[in-house]
Amino acid sequence: MDVLCSRFIEVEHPDEVSELVTEDVFQSSFFILGGGSNILFTKDFTGVVVHPAFKGIEILEESQNEIVIKVAAGEEWETLQQYCLERQLYGLENLIGIPGNVGSAPVQNIGAYGTEVKDCIESVEGWRLDTNAPFRFPNAECRFGYRDSVFKNELKNKCLITHVTFRLSKIEHYNLKYKALADELQNRQWSPSLKNVTDCILHVRNSKLPDITRIGCAGSFFKNPLIPQQQYEQLKQEFPDLVSYPAPDGMVKLAAGQLIEKAGWKGRRMGDAGVYDKQALVIVNYGGATPEEILSVCDAVIQDVEAMFHVHIAPEVNIL
């Protein structure tokens, strides 16, 4: 389904943001759009869509062991990944293959295969839309959480990110805690290297996610839920094979995909919308699904998981 907005502004330089604030662009309905890979528009947007398009990767510091780079928000995430691969920079390799732009990464605190982008972020810079002033938040002030940050909460619609600064390692090391990744390396009988690890991650991703040129999707549609330890122990008695991961503050993270599969939704469809048959976290559009049909599948999945496990799963996709 095609959707329209009242006005579309492509920002080609960070200095233009202040001008837009002065022109009161952000005083009415607006939406800041990065790559758009995790957005579900359900109707026309009666407001202004602002798209940061500025590019650039700048080296701020470099030593024998580390490098600090400042990356413009409009750079594609894949461009940054290629930059790291070509220069043998370590830290972000588990996040290869994630669509979108660099400026969106800290908002969502994107993560995959045991790594979160917060692990490598030094600081986030941008422009406050409420005060028309620049900001620079070091990592701690970004209040990163699981698929969460200050930019999704207190500062939602109050700032536009212009740059993200990363501190990356020049010393070879890998995060191989994710079982599917470790198994893929072992199956291929490959020793860890930057190329081998990224190749395996891309293989695992592609085996679970549809080709978006053929089947529409927005990646993982649901977040993995966090539940108290006591609730997890009770569920474990009823479902001994329940997959879990330790989480901060005494919480336990469950695998939403497993919950959805156990609730009978993997591969199930309603019209042209459904849950992907290779990865239950993914809702797909098989051709002509309307936003309403996709939302109907989403709501039905949430209700069935809650009825079976008494656990609420929430969409990771932004629904407008």
Protein backbone atom coordinates (compact mmCIF):
# COMPACT_ATOMS: atom_id res chain seq x y z
CA MET A 1 0.00 0.00 0.00
CA ASP A 2 1.33 3.43 -0.95
CA VAL A 3 1.08 6.19 1.64
CA LEU A 4 1.57 9.92 1.33
CA CYS A 5 2.69 12.69 3.67
CA SER A 6 1.79 16.36 3.62
CA ARG A 7 5.43 17.42 3.13
CA PHE A 8 8.75 15.61 2.76
CA ILE A 9 12.01 17.34 3.71
CA GLU A 10 15.40 15.79 2.97
CA VAL A 11 18.04 17.35 5.21
CA GLU A 12 21.39 17.39 3.42
CA HIS A 13 23.47 19.09 6.15
CA PRO A 14 23.16 19.11 9.97
CA ASP A 15 23.12 22.93 10.03
CA GLU A 16 19.78 22.86 8.23
CA VAL A 17 18.07 21.37 11.30
CA SER A 18 18.31 24.64 13.21
CA GLU A 19 16.74 26.47 10.27
CA LEU A 20 13.83 24.03 10.26
CA VAL A 21 13.30 24.62 13.99
CA THR A 22 13.27 28.38 13.39
CA GLU A 23 10.72 27.87 10.61
CA ASP A 24 8.48 26.02 13.12
CA VAL A 25 8.55 22.82 11.05
CA PHE A 26 8.52 20.79 14.26
CA GLN A 27 5.66 22.68 15.91
CA SER A 28 3.03 20.56 14.18
CA SER A 29 2.84 16.85 13.32
CA PHE A 30 6.19 15.48 12.11
CA PHE A 31 8.11 12.23 11.83
CA ILE A 32 11.87 11.71 11.48
CA LEU A 33 12.44 8.92 8.98
CA GLY A 34 15.73 7.07 8.63
CA GLY A 35 15.87 4.06 6.34
CA GLY A 36 12.27 3.17 7.13
CA SER A 37 13.01 -0.55 7.54
CA ASN A 38 11.09 -0.92 10.83
CA ILE A 39 8.15 1.37 10.09
CA LEU A 40 4.60 0.27 9.31
CA PHE A 41 2.54 3.12 7.91
CA THR A 42 -1.12 2.22 8.27
CA LYS A 43 -2.44 5.33 6.50
CA ASP A 44 -1.36 8.63 4.96
CA PHE A 45 0.71 10.76 7.34
CA THR A 46 -0.87 14.19 7.75
CA GLY A 47 2.33 15.93 8.70
CA VAL A 48 5.94 16.55 7.75
CA VAL A 49 8.39 13.69 7.20
CA VAL A 50 12.00 14.77 7.81
CA HIS A 51 14.73 12.55 6.36
CA PRO A 52 18.36 13.12 7.45
CA ALA A 53 20.50 12.43 4.36
CA PHE A 54 23.91 13.78 5.36
CA LYS A 55 26.87 11.41 5.00
CA GLY A 56 30.42 11.02 6.24
CA ILE A 57 32.74 8.95 8.43
CA GLU A 58 35.48 10.81 10.30
CA ILE A 59 38.32 9.39 12.40
CA LEU A 60 38.54 11.28 15.71
CA GLU A 61 41.16 9.22 17.52
CA GLU A 62 43.34 6.26 16.70
CA SER A 63 45.83 4.23 18.68
CA GLN A 64 47.50 0.88 18.24
CA ASN A 65 44.53 -0.89 19.84
CA GLU A 66 41.47 1.30 19.21
CA ILE A 67 39.86 3.75 16.83
CA VAL A 68 37.12 6.31 17.43
CA ILE A 69 34.99 7.23 14.42
CA LYS A 70 32.21 9.78 14.04
CA VAL A 71 29.52 8.69 11.58
CA ALA A 72 26.80 10.87 10.07
CA ALA A 73 23.21 9.81 10.76
CA GLY A 74 22.35 9.50 7.08
CA GLU A 75 24.97 6.85 6.35
CA GLU A 76 23.50 3.43 5.66
CA TRP A 77 24.31 0.90 8.37
CA GLU A 78 25.72 -1.42 5.71
CA THR A 79 28.17 1.30 4.60
CA LEU A 80 29.54 1.46 8.14
CA GLN A 81 29.80 -2.33 8.23
CA GLN A 82 31.83 -2.36 5.01
CA TYR A 83 34.07 0.39 6.41
CA CYS A 84 34.79 -1.79 9.46
CA LEU A 85 35.40 -4.93 7.39
CA GLU A 86 37.83 -3.22 5.04
CA ARG A 87 39.84 -1.82 7.98
CA GLN A 88 39.59 -4.88 10.26
CA LEU A 89 37.72 -3.04 13.01
CA TYR A 90 35.99 -5.20 15.62
CA GLY A 91 32.83 -4.76 17.67
CA LEU A 92 29.95 -4.30 15.24
CA GLU A 93 30.34 -7.43 13.12
CA ASN A 94 27.44 -9.31 14.77
CA LEU A 95 25.13 -6.53 13.59
CA ILE A 96 25.90 -6.98 9.91
CA GLY A 97 22.91 -7.32 7.62
CA ILE A 98 20.62 -5.09 9.67
CA PRO A 99 18.89 -2.62 7.34
CA GLY A 100 18.54 1.07 8.09
CA ASN A 101 20.65 4.15 8.73
CA VAL A 102 23.25 4.89 11.39
CA GLY A 103 21.18 7.61 13.08
CA SER A 104 18.44 5.11 13.88
CA ALA A 105 20.77 2.61 15.55
CA PRO A 106 21.02 4.25 18.99
CA VAL A 107 17.30 5.07 19.13
CA GLN A 108 16.37 1.40 18.95
CA ASN A 109 19.66 0.18 20.46
CA ILE A 110 19.73 -2.34 17.63
CA GLY A 111 20.98 -5.78 18.51
CA ALA A 112 21.56 -9.22 17.06
CA TYR A 113 23.42 -12.44 17.84
CA GLY A 114 24.39 -11.46 21.36
CA THR A 115 25.56 -7.91 20.57
CA GLU A 116 23.88 -4.53 21.06
CA VAL A 117 25.05 -1.34 19.39
CA LYS A 118 25.40 0.35 22.80
CA ASP A 119 28.43 -1.87 23.40
CA CYS A 120 30.40 0.25 20.89
CA ILE A 121 28.76 3.68 21.09
CA GLU A 122 30.94 6.40 22.59
CA SER A 123 28.43 9.24 22.22
CA VAL A 124 25.43 10.50 20.27
CA GLU A 125 25.16 14.03 18.90
CA GLY A 126 22.30 15.97 17.42
CA TRP A 127 19.97 18.92 17.69
CA ARG A 128 17.30 19.59 20.30
CA LEU A 129 14.08 20.47 18.54
CA ASP A 130 12.48 21.90 21.69
CA THR A 131 15.33 24.30 22.57
CA ASN A 132 17.01 24.75 19.16
CA ALA A 133 20.41 23.85 20.62
CA PRO A 134 22.98 21.13 19.95
CA PHE A 135 23.46 18.17 22.29
CA ARG A 136 26.09 15.53 22.87
CA PHE A 137 25.26 12.59 25.13
CA PRO A 138 27.98 10.19 26.26
CA ASN A 139 26.95 6.55 26.35
CA ALA A 140 25.66 6.60 29.94
CA GLU A 141 23.32 9.53 29.29
CA CYS A 142 21.68 7.68 26.39
CA ARG A 143 20.09 5.30 28.96
CA PHE A 144 20.36 2.31 26.70
CA GLY A 145 18.19 -0.69 27.47
CA TYR A 146 16.90 -3.68 25.56
CA ARG A 147 15.72 -2.15 22.25
CA ASP A 148 15.40 1.09 24.16
CA SER A 149 17.07 4.43 24.81
CA VAL A 150 16.37 7.94 26.09
CA PHE A 151 15.51 8.84 22.48
CA LYS A 152 12.44 6.58 22.61
CA ASN A 153 11.31 7.95 25.96
CA GLU A 154 12.09 11.35 27.51
CA LEU A 155 13.49 12.76 24.26
CA LYS A 156 10.98 11.25 21.86
CA ASN A 157 10.14 13.89 19.22
CA LYS A 158 12.44 16.35 20.99
CA CYS A 159 15.67 15.77 19.11
CA LEU A 160 17.19 14.82 15.78
CA ILE A 161 20.35 12.72 15.81
CA THR A 162 23.06 14.01 13.46
CA HIS A 163 26.09 11.85 14.36
CA VAL A 164 26.98 8.71 16.29
CA THR A 165 30.52 8.18 17.58
CA PHE A 166 31.80 4.62 17.90
CA ARG A 167 34.83 3.27 19.77
CA LEU A 168 35.99 0.12 17.97
CA SER A 169 38.79 -2.32 18.61
CA LYS A 170 41.71 -3.02 16.29
CA ILE A 171 42.49 -6.14 18.31
CA GLU A 172 40.89 -9.30 16.98
CA HIS A 173 38.09 -10.59 19.22
CA TYR A 174 34.60 -12.02 18.66
CA ASN A 175 31.32 -12.55 20.45
CA LEU A 176 30.38 -16.15 19.64
CA LYS A 177 27.92 -16.72 22.50
CA TYR A 178 24.94 -16.98 20.17
CA LYS A 179 24.43 -20.71 19.58
CA ALA A 180 23.35 -20.52 15.92
CA LEU A 181 26.46 -18.51 15.08
CA ALA A 182 28.83 -20.83 16.93
CA ASP A 183 27.15 -23.86 15.34
CA GLU A 184 27.47 -22.40 11.85
CA LEU A 185 31.20 -21.80 12.32
CA GLN A 186 31.62 -25.34 13.62
CA ASN A 187 29.57 -26.87 10.80
CA ARG A 188 31.77 -25.15 8.25
CA GLN A 189 34.88 -26.05 10.23
CA TRP A 190 35.98 -22.44 10.03
CA SER A 191 38.21 -20.71 12.54
CA PRO A 192 36.93 -17.30 13.64
CA SER A 193 37.96 -14.36 11.46
CA LEU A 194 36.14 -11.16 10.63
CA LYS A 195 35.15 -12.45 7.20
CA ASN A 196 34.18 -15.91 8.47
CA VAL A 197 32.09 -14.56 11.32
CA THR A 198 30.25 -12.04 9.15
CA ASP A 199 29.67 -14.63 6.42
CA CYS A 200 28.15 -17.00 8.98
CA ILE A 201 25.94 -14.28 10.45
CA LEU A 202 24.66 -13.33 7.01
CA HIS A 203 23.97 -16.99 6.25
CA VAL A 204 22.02 -17.44 9.50
CA ARG A 205 20.09 -14.21 8.91
CA ASN A 206 19.23 -15.12 5.33
CA SER A 207 18.09 -18.60 6.36
CA LYS A 208 15.57 -17.09 8.76
CA LEU A 209 14.47 -13.87 7.09
CA PRO A 210 12.67 -13.58 3.76
CA ASP A 211 14.10 -11.91 0.68
CA ILE A 212 12.38 -8.52 0.88
CA THR A 213 12.50 -8.19 -2.91
CA ARG A 214 9.98 -11.07 -3.01
CA ILE A 215 8.18 -11.03 0.34
CA GLY A 216 7.54 -7.84 2.27
CA CYS A 217 8.56 -7.68 5.92
CA ALA A 218 10.02 -5.31 8.49
CA GLY A 219 12.47 -7.75 10.04
CA SER A 220 11.74 -8.89 13.59
CA PHE A 221 8.23 -7.67 14.30
CA PHE A 222 8.27 -8.43 18.04
CA LYS A 223 10.65 -7.74 20.91
CA ASN A 224 11.79 -10.54 23.18
CA PRO A 225 9.86 -10.08 26.45
CA LEU A 226 11.46 -9.54 29.85
CA ILE A 227 9.84 -11.26 32.83
CA PRO A 228 10.70 -11.60 36.55
CA GLN A 229 12.80 -14.58 37.63
CA GLN A 230 9.95 -16.03 39.68
CA GLN A 231 7.57 -16.02 36.72
CA TYR A 232 10.25 -17.63 34.56
CA GLU A 233 10.76 -20.45 37.07
CA GLN A 234 7.03 -21.14 37.10
CA LEU A 235 6.89 -21.22 33.29
CA LYS A 236 9.94 -23.48 33.17
CA GLN A 237 8.07 -26.11 35.14
CA GLU A 238 5.32 -26.19 32.51
CA PHE A 239 7.60 -25.67 29.50
CA PRO A 240 10.99 -27.29 30.30
CA ASP A 241 12.49 -26.40 26.90
CA LEU A 242 11.83 -22.69 27.32
CA VAL A 243 14.72 -20.64 25.87
CA SER A 244 15.93 -17.84 28.12
CA TYR A 245 18.72 -15.32 28.51
CA PRO A 246 19.86 -13.42 31.61
CA ALA A 247 18.79 -9.78 31.72
CA PRO A 248 19.59 -6.84 34.04
CA ASP A 249 17.80 -6.16 37.32
CA GLY A 250 16.97 -9.79 38.02
CA MET A 251 14.85 -10.16 34.91
CA VAL A 252 14.87 -12.98 32.37
CA LYS A 253 14.58 -12.49 28.60
CA LEU A 254 12.49 -15.04 26.72
CA ALA A 255 12.67 -15.84 23.01
CA ALA A 256 9.53 -14.32 21.52
CA GLY A 257 9.93 -16.46 18.42
CA GLN A 258 9.69 -19.64 20.48
CA LEU A 259 6.59 -18.39 22.30
CA ILE A 260 4.93 -17.50 19.00
CA GLU A 261 5.82 -20.88 17.52
CA LYS A 262 4.49 -22.76 20.55
CA ALA A 263 1.28 -20.74 20.27
CA GLY A 264 0.83 -22.22 16.80
CA TRP A 265 1.56 -19.20 14.65
CA LYS A 266 4.75 -20.14 12.78
CA GLY A 267 3.84 -20.40 9.08
CA ARG A 268 0.22 -19.45 9.71
CA ARG A 269 -1.41 -16.79 7.58
CA MET A 270 -4.60 -14.74 7.42
CA GLY A 271 -5.17 -13.73 3.82
CA ASP A 272 -1.99 -12.16 2.45
CA ALA A 273 -0.51 -11.50 5.91
CA GLY A 274 1.05 -14.11 8.14
CA VAL A 275 3.91 -15.30 10.30
CA TYR A 276 6.95 -16.40 8.34
CA ASP A 277 7.44 -20.17 8.19
CA LYS A 278 11.18 -19.97 8.91
CA GLN A 279 11.18 -17.40 11.70
CA ALA A 280 8.18 -16.83 13.94
CA LEU A 281 9.36 -13.33 14.93
CA VAL A 282 8.63 -12.09 11.42
CA ILE A 283 5.26 -11.00 10.07
CA VAL A 284 5.22 -10.98 6.27
CA ASN A 285 3.15 -9.53 3.45
CA TYR A 286 2.69 -12.20 0.81
CA GLY A 287 1.61 -9.68 -1.80
CA GLY A 288 -1.51 -7.68 -1.20
CA ALA A 289 -1.92 -7.46 2.56
CA THR A 290 -3.37 -4.22 3.89
CA PRO A 291 -2.02 -2.57 7.05
CA GLU A 292 -5.22 -3.65 8.79
CA GLU A 293 -4.54 -7.30 7.91
CA ILE A 294 -0.98 -7.08 9.20
CA LEU A 295 -2.20 -5.49 12.43
CA SER A 296 -4.84 -8.21 12.77
CA VAL A 297 -2.13 -10.88 12.64
CA CYS A 298 -0.05 -8.90 15.13
CA ASP A 299 -2.95 -8.57 17.58
CA ALA A 300 -3.92 -12.24 17.25
CA VAL A 301 -0.34 -13.38 17.91
CA ILE A 302 -0.09 -11.16 21.00
CA GLN A 303 -3.41 -12.46 22.37
CA ASP A 304 -2.56 -16.13 21.81
CA VAL A 305 0.89 -15.84 23.39
CA GLU A 306 -0.57 -14.03 26.39
CA ALA A 307 -3.31 -16.65 26.77
CA MET A 308 -0.81 -19.51 26.68
CA PHE A 309 2.09 -18.11 28.71
CA HIS A 310 0.66 -15.06 30.54
CA VAL A 311 3.49 -13.12 28.91
CA HIS A 312 2.96 -9.97 26.88
CA ILE A 313 5.01 -9.51 23.72
CA ALA A 314 5.19 -6.06 22.16
CA PRO A 315 5.89 -4.98 18.58
CA GLU A 316 9.42 -3.87 17.77
CA VAL A 317 8.16 -2.22 14.60
CA ASN A 318 7.01 1.40 14.82
CA ILE A 319 3.34 1.53 13.80
CA LEU A 320 2.00 4.84 12.48
